[in-house]
Protein backbone atom coordinates (compact mmCIF):
# COMPACT_ATOMS: atom_id res chain seq x y z
CA UNK A 1 62.88 148.51 63.52
CA UNK A 2 66.23 149.27 65.20
CA UNK A 3 69.28 147.10 65.90
CA UNK A 4 69.79 145.79 69.44
CA UNK A 5 72.98 144.76 71.21
CA UNK A 6 73.00 141.14 72.41
CA UNK A 7 74.41 139.82 75.66
CA UNK A 8 77.36 138.30 73.81
CA UNK A 9 78.36 141.68 72.38
CA UNK A 10 76.97 141.07 68.89
CA UNK A 11 74.01 142.88 67.35
CA UNK A 12 70.60 141.74 66.10
CA UNK A 13 67.91 143.33 63.93
CA UNK A 14 64.76 143.74 66.02
CA UNK A 15 63.88 142.02 69.26
CA UNK A 16 63.44 138.61 67.63
CA UNK A 17 66.43 138.73 65.27
CA UNK A 18 69.56 136.59 65.39
CA UNK A 19 72.71 137.87 67.12
CA UNK A 20 74.83 137.74 63.97
CA UNK A 21 76.33 141.21 63.41
CA UNK A 22 79.64 142.37 64.86
CA UNK A 23 78.72 146.06 64.99
CA UNK A 24 75.60 148.20 65.03
CA UNK A 25 76.68 149.78 61.76
CA UNK A 26 76.91 146.36 60.09
CA UNK A 27 73.43 145.49 61.37
CA UNK A 28 71.88 148.72 60.09
CA UNK A 29 73.62 148.44 56.70
CA UNK A 30 72.50 144.84 56.21
CA UNK A 31 68.86 145.72 56.91
CA UNK A 32 68.56 149.18 55.39
CA UNK A 33 66.22 147.92 52.67
CA UNK A 34 63.85 146.16 55.08
CA UNK A 35 60.87 148.21 53.91
CA UNK A 36 62.24 149.16 50.50
CA UNK A 37 59.92 146.89 48.54
CA UNK A 38 56.63 148.28 49.83
CA UNK A 39 54.80 150.47 47.35
CA UNK A 40 51.59 152.51 47.59
CA UNK A 41 49.01 153.75 45.09
CA UNK A 42 46.16 155.01 47.27
CA UNK A 43 46.79 158.67 46.44
CA UNK A 44 43.65 160.68 45.56
CA UNK A 45 42.33 160.90 42.01
CA UNK A 46 42.80 164.66 42.20
CA UNK A 47 46.58 164.12 42.29
CA UNK A 48 46.33 162.08 39.10
CA UNK A 49 44.17 164.73 37.44
CA UNK A 50 46.64 167.47 38.39
CA UNK A 51 49.53 165.54 36.86
CA UNK A 52 47.57 164.83 33.69
CA UNK A 53 46.73 168.52 33.33
CA UNK A 54 50.40 169.49 33.59
CA UNK A 55 51.45 166.82 31.06
CA UNK A 56 48.74 167.86 28.62
CA UNK A 57 49.84 171.50 28.74
CA UNK A 58 53.48 170.52 28.18
CA UNK A 59 52.57 168.32 25.19
CA UNK A 60 50.32 170.92 23.58
CA UNK A 61 52.28 174.08 24.31
CA UNK A 62 55.80 172.96 25.15
CA UNK A 63 57.58 173.79 28.39
CA UNK A 64 61.16 174.05 29.61
CA UNK A 65 60.04 173.85 33.22
CA UNK A 66 61.10 171.15 35.64
CA UNK A 67 63.55 168.27 35.55
CA UNK A 68 63.39 164.75 34.19
CA UNK A 69 62.61 163.59 37.73
CA UNK A 70 59.66 165.98 38.01
CA UNK A 71 58.09 164.86 34.72
CA UNK A 72 58.74 161.23 35.55
CA UNK A 73 56.80 161.78 38.75
CA UNK A 74 53.97 163.35 36.77
CA UNK A 75 53.76 160.32 34.49
CA UNK A 76 53.77 157.98 37.47
CA UNK A 77 50.84 159.83 39.03
CA UNK A 78 49.00 160.14 35.72
CA UNK A 79 49.31 156.38 35.16
CA UNK A 80 48.48 155.64 38.82
CA UNK A 81 51.69 153.70 39.31
CA UNK A 82 52.68 152.47 42.75
CA UNK A 83 55.17 154.65 44.63
CA UNK A 84 57.95 153.70 47.04
CA UNK A 85 58.48 155.36 50.39
CA UNK A 86 61.45 157.23 48.94
CA UNK A 87 59.32 158.65 46.13
CA UNK A 88 56.59 159.63 48.58
CA UNK A 89 59.19 161.40 50.71
CA UNK A 90 60.27 163.41 47.67
CA UNK A 91 56.68 164.38 46.99
CA UNK A 92 56.27 165.48 50.60
CA UNK A 93 59.44 167.58 50.46
CA UNK A 94 58.15 169.37 47.35
CA UNK A 95 55.87 171.34 49.69
CA UNK A 96 58.75 173.80 50.04
CA UNK A 97 57.79 175.11 46.59
CA UNK A 98 54.17 175.86 47.47
CA UNK A 99 54.73 179.63 47.46
CA UNK A 100 54.91 179.41 43.65
CA UNK A 101 51.97 177.06 43.11
CA UNK A 102 49.57 179.79 41.90
CA UNK A 103 51.79 180.95 39.03
CA UNK A 104 49.82 180.45 35.76
CA UNK A 105 51.24 177.83 33.41
CA UNK A 106 51.98 180.40 30.71
CA UNK A 107 53.73 182.80 33.07
CA UNK A 108 56.25 180.60 34.85
CA UNK A 109 57.13 177.18 36.20
CA UNK A 110 55.63 177.30 39.68
CA UNK A 111 52.08 176.23 38.86
CA UNK A 112 52.78 173.59 36.25
CA UNK A 113 55.47 171.83 38.31
CA UNK A 114 53.30 171.97 41.44
CA UNK A 115 50.63 170.10 39.52
CA UNK A 116 53.20 167.74 37.99
CA UNK A 117 54.03 166.59 41.51
CA UNK A 118 50.33 166.03 42.27
CA UNK A 119 49.28 169.52 43.32
CA UNK A 120 47.70 170.20 46.73
CA UNK A 121 46.01 166.78 46.80
CA UNK A 122 49.18 164.86 45.98
CA UNK A 123 51.55 166.77 48.25
CA UNK A 124 49.23 166.63 51.26
CA UNK A 125 48.64 162.92 50.71
CA UNK A 126 52.39 162.33 50.56
CA UNK A 127 52.99 164.17 53.85
CA UNK A 128 50.31 162.16 55.67
CA UNK A 129 51.33 158.88 54.02
CA UNK A 130 54.97 159.33 54.91
CA UNK A 131 54.04 159.92 58.55
CA UNK A 132 51.83 156.83 58.50
CA UNK A 133 54.58 154.65 57.03
CA UNK A 134 57.26 155.88 59.41
CA UNK A 135 55.01 155.46 62.45
CA UNK A 136 54.36 151.88 61.44
CA UNK A 137 58.08 151.22 61.03
CA UNK A 138 58.73 152.75 64.45
CA UNK A 139 56.03 150.61 66.05
CA UNK A 140 57.39 147.43 64.47
CA UNK A 141 60.03 147.18 67.20
CA UNK A 142 57.20 146.45 69.65
CA UNK A 143 55.55 143.94 67.35
CA UNK A 144 56.01 140.35 68.48
CA UNK A 145 55.03 137.34 66.40
CA UNK A 146 52.83 134.98 68.38
CA UNK A 147 54.01 131.49 69.28
CA UNK A 148 51.25 130.04 67.12
CA UNK A 149 52.45 132.01 64.11
CA UNK A 150 56.07 131.07 64.80
CA UNK A 151 55.02 127.42 64.78
CA UNK A 152 53.18 127.94 61.49
CA UNK A 153 56.23 129.58 59.93
CA UNK A 154 58.47 126.80 61.24
CA UNK A 155 56.22 124.18 59.68
CA UNK A 156 56.22 126.06 56.37
CA UNK A 157 60.01 126.31 56.47
CA UNK A 158 60.44 122.59 57.16
CA UNK A 159 57.94 121.56 54.47
CA UNK A 160 59.46 123.92 51.91
CA UNK A 161 63.05 122.86 52.61
CA UNK A 162 62.07 119.21 52.32
CA UNK A 163 60.38 119.83 48.97
CA UNK A 164 63.36 121.69 47.48
CA UNK A 165 66.19 119.54 48.84
CA UNK A 166 66.68 117.88 45.44
CA UNK A 167 65.77 120.94 43.37
CA UNK A 168 68.53 121.75 40.89
CA UNK A 169 68.69 125.52 40.50
CA UNK A 170 71.44 128.14 40.47
CA UNK A 171 70.40 129.59 43.84
CA UNK A 172 69.95 128.14 47.31
CA UNK A 173 66.16 127.55 47.49
CA UNK A 174 66.07 126.81 51.23
CA UNK A 175 64.76 129.33 53.77
CA UNK A 176 65.08 130.03 57.48
CA UNK A 177 62.40 130.89 60.01
CA UNK A 178 64.09 134.28 60.57
CA UNK A 179 63.70 135.13 56.89
CA UNK A 180 60.05 134.09 56.85
CA UNK A 181 59.44 136.22 59.95
CA UNK A 182 60.78 139.24 58.06
CA UNK A 183 58.43 138.57 55.17
CA UNK A 184 55.54 138.05 57.59
CA UNK A 185 56.14 141.35 59.42
CA UNK A 186 56.29 143.23 56.14
CA UNK A 187 52.97 141.65 55.21
CA UNK A 188 51.38 142.90 58.41
CA UNK A 189 52.75 146.37 57.71
CA UNK A 190 51.49 146.33 54.12
CA UNK A 191 47.98 145.43 55.31
CA UNK A 192 47.75 148.74 57.19
CA UNK A 193 49.81 151.10 55.03
CA UNK A 194 48.82 149.84 51.58
CA UNK A 195 45.15 148.79 51.88
CA UNK A 196 44.62 149.19 48.12
CA UNK A 197 46.79 146.12 47.54
CA UNK A 198 44.79 143.89 49.90
CA UNK A 199 42.23 141.57 48.27
CA UNK A 200 38.62 141.87 49.44
CA UNK A 201 38.63 138.25 50.63
CA UNK A 202 41.40 138.99 53.15
CA UNK A 203 39.94 139.72 56.58
CA UNK A 204 43.00 140.25 58.78
CA UNK A 205 46.64 141.41 58.66
CA UNK A 206 47.74 137.94 59.73
CA UNK A 207 45.98 136.38 56.75
CA UNK A 208 47.60 138.89 54.38
CA UNK A 209 51.02 138.29 55.96
CA UNK A 210 50.74 134.50 55.53
CA UNK A 211 49.72 135.03 51.90
CA UNK A 212 52.88 137.08 51.43
CA UNK A 213 54.96 134.28 52.97
CA UNK A 214 53.38 131.75 50.59
CA UNK A 215 54.12 134.03 47.64
CA UNK A 216 57.75 134.35 48.74
CA UNK A 217 58.11 130.57 49.07
CA UNK A 218 56.67 130.16 45.58
CA UNK A 219 59.33 132.53 44.23
CA UNK A 220 62.05 130.63 46.09
CA UNK A 221 60.99 127.40 44.37
CA UNK A 222 60.18 128.70 40.91
CA UNK A 223 62.50 131.62 40.34
CA UNK A 224 59.59 134.02 39.78
CA UNK A 225 56.51 135.40 41.53
CA UNK A 226 52.93 134.51 40.74
CA UNK A 227 52.10 138.19 40.37
CA UNK A 228 53.73 141.30 41.84
CA UNK A 229 57.24 140.95 43.22
CA UNK A 230 58.14 141.75 46.83
CA UNK A 231 60.97 141.18 49.30
CA UNK A 232 63.49 140.71 46.50
CA UNK A 233 66.24 141.88 48.84
CA UNK A 234 65.66 138.70 50.88
CA UNK A 235 66.17 136.38 47.93
CA UNK A 236 69.46 134.43 47.74
CA UNK A 237 72.31 135.24 45.39
CA UNK A 238 71.84 134.08 41.79
CA UNK A 239 68.05 134.05 42.13
CA UNK A 240 66.56 135.45 38.88
CA UNK A 241 64.57 138.07 40.80
CA UNK A 242 67.33 139.04 43.20
CA UNK A 243 67.92 142.77 43.39
CA UNK A 244 65.27 143.67 40.84
CA UNK A 245 64.14 146.51 43.08
CA UNK A 246 65.23 149.92 41.90
CA UNK A 247 68.38 151.05 43.71
CA UNK A 248 70.58 154.04 43.14
CA UNK A 249 73.70 151.90 43.43
CA UNK A 250 72.78 150.16 40.17
CA UNK A 251 74.20 153.05 38.23
CA UNK A 252 75.16 156.03 40.35
CA UNK A 253 77.41 154.36 42.91
CA UNK A 254 79.02 151.92 40.48
CA UNK A 255 79.48 154.64 37.87
CA UNK A 256 78.13 152.42 35.11
CA UNK A 257 77.64 155.49 32.96
CA UNK A 258 79.75 158.31 31.60
CA UNK A 259 79.75 160.86 28.82
CA UNK A 260 82.09 161.04 25.85
CA UNK A 261 82.46 162.98 22.60
CA UNK A 262 79.71 161.01 20.88
CA UNK A 263 77.32 160.15 23.70
CA UNK A 264 75.73 162.03 26.58
CA UNK A 265 75.57 158.83 28.62
CA UNK A 266 77.04 155.37 28.34
CA UNK A 267 74.84 152.92 30.26
CA UNK A 268 76.46 149.61 31.16
CA UNK A 269 73.99 146.76 31.83
CA UNK A 270 74.93 144.02 34.27
CA UNK A 271 73.65 140.46 33.86
CA UNK A 272 71.11 141.03 36.66
CA UNK A 273 69.81 144.15 34.92
CA UNK A 274 69.45 142.33 31.60
CA UNK A 275 67.73 139.44 33.35
CA UNK A 276 65.17 141.81 34.83
CA UNK A 277 64.66 143.65 31.54
CA UNK A 278 64.03 140.43 29.63
CA UNK A 279 62.04 138.79 32.41
CA UNK A 280 59.79 141.68 33.44
CA UNK A 281 59.90 143.79 30.32
CA UNK A 282 61.06 146.91 32.13
CA UNK A 283 63.89 148.29 34.24
CA UNK A 284 64.16 151.57 36.15
CA UNK A 285 67.55 153.12 36.86
CA UNK A 286 68.45 156.23 38.85
CA UNK A 287 71.40 158.20 37.47
CA UNK A 288 72.73 160.71 39.98
CA UNK A 289 75.52 163.21 39.48
CA UNK A 290 76.08 165.79 42.25
CA UNK A 291 72.75 167.69 42.51
CA UNK A 292 71.34 166.36 39.25
CA UNK A 293 69.21 163.22 39.18
CA UNK A 294 67.40 161.36 36.43
CA UNK A 295 65.05 158.40 36.61
CA UNK A 296 65.38 156.35 33.41
CA UNK A 297 62.96 153.61 32.41
CA UNK A 298 63.93 150.92 29.91
CA UNK A 299 61.29 148.67 28.35
CA UNK A 300 61.66 145.51 26.30
CA UNK A 301 59.28 143.57 24.09
CA UNK A 302 55.91 144.43 22.67
CA UNK A 303 53.18 145.53 25.04
CA UNK A 304 49.83 143.83 24.66
CA UNK A 305 48.04 147.08 24.02
CA UNK A 306 50.59 147.93 21.29
CA UNK A 307 49.95 144.55 19.70
CA UNK A 308 46.19 145.10 19.77
CA UNK A 309 46.57 148.52 18.20
CA UNK A 310 48.83 147.10 15.50
CA UNK A 311 46.31 144.33 14.76
CA UNK A 312 43.54 146.91 14.48
CA UNK A 313 45.57 149.01 12.04
CA UNK A 314 46.35 145.96 9.88
CA UNK A 315 42.67 145.01 9.73
CA UNK A 316 41.71 148.54 8.71
CA UNK A 317 44.40 148.59 6.02
CA UNK A 318 43.22 145.28 4.57
CA UNK A 319 39.59 146.39 4.62
CA UNK A 320 40.51 149.51 2.67
CA UNK A 321 42.56 147.40 0.25
CA UNK A 322 39.75 144.95 -0.48
CA UNK A 323 37.22 147.75 -0.81
CA UNK A 324 39.43 149.34 -3.44
CA UNK A 325 39.88 146.02 -5.30
CA UNK A 326 36.12 145.43 -5.38
CA UNK A 327 35.53 148.98 -6.54
CA UNK A 328 38.06 148.58 -9.36
CA UNK A 329 36.43 145.30 -10.47
CA UNK A 330 33.00 146.89 -10.62
CA UNK A 331 34.29 149.84 -12.60
CA UNK A 332 36.07 147.55 -15.09
CA UNK A 333 32.83 145.72 -16.00
């Protein structure tokens, strides 16, 4: 969705936006993350299998091939994690390495890294998905919200603002119709580009978009989402979930890291980063230096599956202990 010049000389984002920006550059900068929160996981199972095969070979035989970014991508695909548009674009651009894809794992890096990035199935999916996403974004400039929907959003805004007028929180919990329209349009887009995320009970893009608006309003009141987060760039300052989306500026642009005699990297955590790590249990950071790039994932707390495994081990240990005690008692008689 592009920026348009208004009659008064200011600029607005999209046909229905407010004339609030002094320059086109300011408008584009302010809205550059409009679609940043959308993620997709409808890539074929073959892409996952390819990534798993590459990881298994590396674990069993060792390999110096690839970068941290490449193996991070492999783990994302192997775990069927959701991918952002930026990640999908990187997968699509990896097609330039296809001339080396048939190199056997034990003879070079071409084949194993091709599979790490999803192989033929993953790369082709990424190319088609990227085109689909970008076409939708391009067509959004022609998308107009109906008067009925505008009235619905206005009513939701008025009801919400009335309910939070006495709410004592660190952030401004009130919303505007313009902000809800942004959330709504993203919901319509997600219905078409990310069908895997749509519940079976949802029958139309409008229904899915309204559900997204309701979820956003819940987060504005409660400081957290019911389930998956979205539209965090639209949240007000000081909101606990504000800026929890992965952005390169977290580390690379602010230079919150450096090397010294004792450490390869010094990672400085801001309050927002710590809040996300403690609140969500994980934080992803991109560290970029010239042509080198690393995607680092921090986790916090004990995962449920780890807890279950620990409980199982404890039970087994105790069973063995009691069996030995009983055996000793019998032998002593």
